[in-house]
Amino acid sequence: MKGTYTGLGVAFGAGLGLLVGILFLDTWWFGMAIGAAIGLVVGSLAEIAFRDRGSGGGA
């Protein structure tokens, strides 16, 4: 299931960014955009980390 962690990172990042945007920033969409971008990076890093760890030890 490639892209699972990346997709979850974007979804959760956008959701948390929406909350942060509503509570702390003036506009909700700015927080959601920042959260989605951060979630994309974190999800991609998690995808790479779990892929490398579960590969089974190649040369």
N, C-alpha and C. Protein backbone atom coordinates (compact mmCIF):
# COMPACT_ATOMS: atom_id res chain seq x y z
N MET A 1 0.84 -1.17 0.00
CA MET A 1 0.00 0.00 0.00
C MET A 1 0.89 1.24 0.00
N LYS A 2 1.36 1.58 -1.16
CA LYS A 2 2.23 2.74 -1.28
C LYS A 2 1.40 4.02 -1.13
N GLY A 3 1.97 4.96 -0.42
CA GLY A 3 1.34 6.26 -0.25
C GLY A 3 0.38 6.37 0.91
N THR A 4 0.23 5.32 1.69
CA THR A 4 -0.71 5.36 2.80
C THR A 4 -0.31 6.39 3.83
N TYR A 5 0.95 6.37 4.25
CA TYR A 5 1.39 7.32 5.27
C TYR A 5 1.44 8.74 4.72
N THR A 6 1.74 8.89 3.46
CA THR A 6 1.75 10.22 2.85
C THR A 6 0.34 10.79 2.81
N GLY A 7 -0.61 9.98 2.42
CA GLY A 7 -2.01 10.43 2.39
C GLY A 7 -2.54 10.75 3.76
N LEU A 8 -2.22 9.90 4.72
CA LEU A 8 -2.66 10.18 6.09
C LEU A 8 -1.99 11.43 6.64
N GLY A 9 -0.73 11.64 6.30
CA GLY A 9 -0.04 12.85 6.74
C GLY A 9 -0.68 14.11 6.19
N VAL A 10 -1.07 14.08 4.92
CA VAL A 10 -1.72 15.24 4.32
C VAL A 10 -3.08 15.47 4.96
N ALA A 11 -3.85 14.40 5.16
CA ALA A 11 -5.19 14.54 5.73
C ALA A 11 -5.14 15.06 7.17
N PHE A 12 -4.30 14.44 8.00
CA PHE A 12 -4.20 14.90 9.39
C PHE A 12 -3.56 16.28 9.48
N GLY A 13 -2.58 16.55 8.63
CA GLY A 13 -1.96 17.87 8.63
C GLY A 13 -2.95 18.96 8.25
N ALA A 14 -3.77 18.70 7.25
CA ALA A 14 -4.78 19.68 6.85
C ALA A 14 -5.82 19.87 7.94
N GLY A 15 -6.21 18.79 8.59
CA GLY A 15 -7.19 18.89 9.67
C GLY A 15 -6.66 19.67 10.86
N LEU A 16 -5.45 19.34 11.27
CA LEU A 16 -4.86 20.08 12.39
C LEU A 16 -4.55 21.52 12.00
N GLY A 17 -4.13 21.73 10.75
CA GLY A 17 -3.90 23.09 10.28
C GLY A 17 -5.18 23.91 10.24
N LEU A 18 -6.29 23.27 9.94
CA LEU A 18 -7.58 23.95 9.95
C LEU A 18 -7.91 24.43 11.36
N LEU A 19 -7.71 23.55 12.35
CA LEU A 19 -7.96 23.95 13.73
C LEU A 19 -7.04 25.08 14.18
N VAL A 20 -5.76 24.97 13.84
CA VAL A 20 -4.81 26.02 14.21
C VAL A 20 -5.16 27.32 13.49
N GLY A 21 -5.54 27.23 12.25
CA GLY A 21 -5.93 28.42 11.50
C GLY A 21 -7.15 29.11 12.09
N ILE A 22 -8.12 28.33 12.53
CA ILE A 22 -9.32 28.91 13.12
C ILE A 22 -9.01 29.52 14.49
N LEU A 23 -8.20 28.82 15.29
CA LEU A 23 -7.95 29.28 16.65
C LEU A 23 -6.92 30.40 16.75
N PHE A 24 -5.84 30.32 15.97
CA PHE A 24 -4.72 31.23 16.18
C PHE A 24 -4.47 32.21 15.04
N LEU A 25 -4.83 31.85 13.83
CA LEU A 25 -4.58 32.71 12.68
C LEU A 25 -5.86 33.43 12.29
N ASP A 26 -5.71 34.38 11.41
CA ASP A 26 -6.87 35.18 11.00
C ASP A 26 -7.76 34.43 10.02
N THR A 27 -7.17 33.57 9.20
CA THR A 27 -7.94 32.85 8.19
C THR A 27 -7.73 31.35 8.34
N TRP A 28 -8.75 30.57 8.06
CA TRP A 28 -8.67 29.12 8.21
C TRP A 28 -7.89 28.48 7.08
N TRP A 29 -7.96 29.00 5.87
CA TRP A 29 -7.34 28.35 4.72
C TRP A 29 -5.82 28.41 4.76
N PHE A 30 -5.28 29.47 5.36
CA PHE A 30 -3.83 29.59 5.46
C PHE A 30 -3.26 28.51 6.38
N GLY A 31 -3.91 28.26 7.50
CA GLY A 31 -3.49 27.19 8.40
C GLY A 31 -3.61 25.82 7.77
N MET A 32 -4.67 25.62 6.98
CA MET A 32 -4.86 24.32 6.33
C MET A 32 -3.79 24.08 5.27
N ALA A 33 -3.42 25.12 4.54
CA ALA A 33 -2.38 24.96 3.52
C ALA A 33 -1.03 24.65 4.15
N ILE A 34 -0.70 25.34 5.22
CA ILE A 34 0.56 25.07 5.92
C ILE A 34 0.54 23.67 6.53
N GLY A 35 -0.56 23.28 7.14
CA GLY A 35 -0.68 21.95 7.74
C GLY A 35 -0.59 20.84 6.71
N ALA A 36 -1.19 21.04 5.55
CA ALA A 36 -1.12 20.03 4.49
C ALA A 36 0.30 19.90 3.96
N ALA A 37 1.01 21.01 3.83
CA ALA A 37 2.40 20.96 3.37
C ALA A 37 3.29 20.24 4.37
N ILE A 38 3.12 20.56 5.64
CA ILE A 38 3.90 19.88 6.69
C ILE A 38 3.53 18.41 6.75
N GLY A 39 2.26 18.09 6.64
CA GLY A 39 1.82 16.70 6.64
C GLY A 39 2.35 15.91 5.46
N LEU A 40 2.48 16.56 4.31
CA LEU A 40 3.05 15.91 3.14
C LEU A 40 4.50 15.52 3.38
N VAL A 41 5.26 16.43 3.97
CA VAL A 41 6.67 16.14 4.24
C VAL A 41 6.81 15.05 5.30
N VAL A 42 6.07 15.17 6.40
CA VAL A 42 6.16 14.19 7.48
C VAL A 42 5.67 12.82 7.01
N GLY A 43 4.58 12.79 6.26
CA GLY A 43 4.07 11.52 5.75
C GLY A 43 5.02 10.86 4.77
N SER A 44 5.67 11.66 3.94
CA SER A 44 6.65 11.10 3.01
C SER A 44 7.85 10.53 3.74
N LEU A 45 8.31 11.23 4.76
CA LEU A 45 9.43 10.72 5.56
C LEU A 45 9.06 9.43 6.28
N ALA A 46 7.83 9.35 6.79
CA ALA A 46 7.38 8.12 7.44
C ALA A 46 7.28 6.98 6.43
N GLU A 47 6.82 7.30 5.23
CA GLU A 47 6.73 6.29 4.17
C GLU A 47 8.11 5.71 3.85
N ILE A 48 9.09 6.59 3.72
CA ILE A 48 10.46 6.15 3.43
C ILE A 48 11.03 5.34 4.58
N ALA A 49 10.80 5.80 5.81
CA ALA A 49 11.35 5.11 6.98
C ALA A 49 10.77 3.70 7.13
N PHE A 50 9.46 3.56 6.97
CA PHE A 50 8.85 2.25 7.13
C PHE A 50 9.16 1.34 5.96
N ARG A 51 9.36 1.90 4.76
CA ARG A 51 9.72 1.09 3.62
C ARG A 51 11.12 0.52 3.78
N ASP A 52 12.05 1.37 4.25
CA ASP A 52 13.43 0.90 4.43
C ASP A 52 13.53 -0.10 5.57
N ARG A 53 12.78 0.11 6.63
CA ARG A 53 12.86 -0.77 7.78
C ARG A 53 12.24 -2.14 7.48
N GLY A 54 11.21 -2.17 6.68
CA GLY A 54 10.53 -3.43 6.40
C GLY A 54 11.03 -4.14 5.15
N SER A 55 12.14 -3.70 4.59
CA SER A 55 12.59 -4.31 3.33
C SER A 55 13.21 -5.69 3.52
N GLY A 56 13.65 -6.03 4.70
CA GLY A 56 14.16 -7.37 4.95
C GLY A 56 15.67 -7.50 4.87
N GLY A 57 16.37 -6.43 4.79
CA GLY A 57 17.83 -6.48 4.87
C GLY A 57 18.53 -6.93 3.62
N GLY A 58 18.42 -6.17 2.58
CA GLY A 58 19.17 -6.48 1.37
C GLY A 58 20.61 -6.02 1.51
N ALA A 59 21.40 -6.23 0.48
CA ALA A 59 22.81 -5.84 0.53
C ALA A 59 22.86 -4.39 0.31
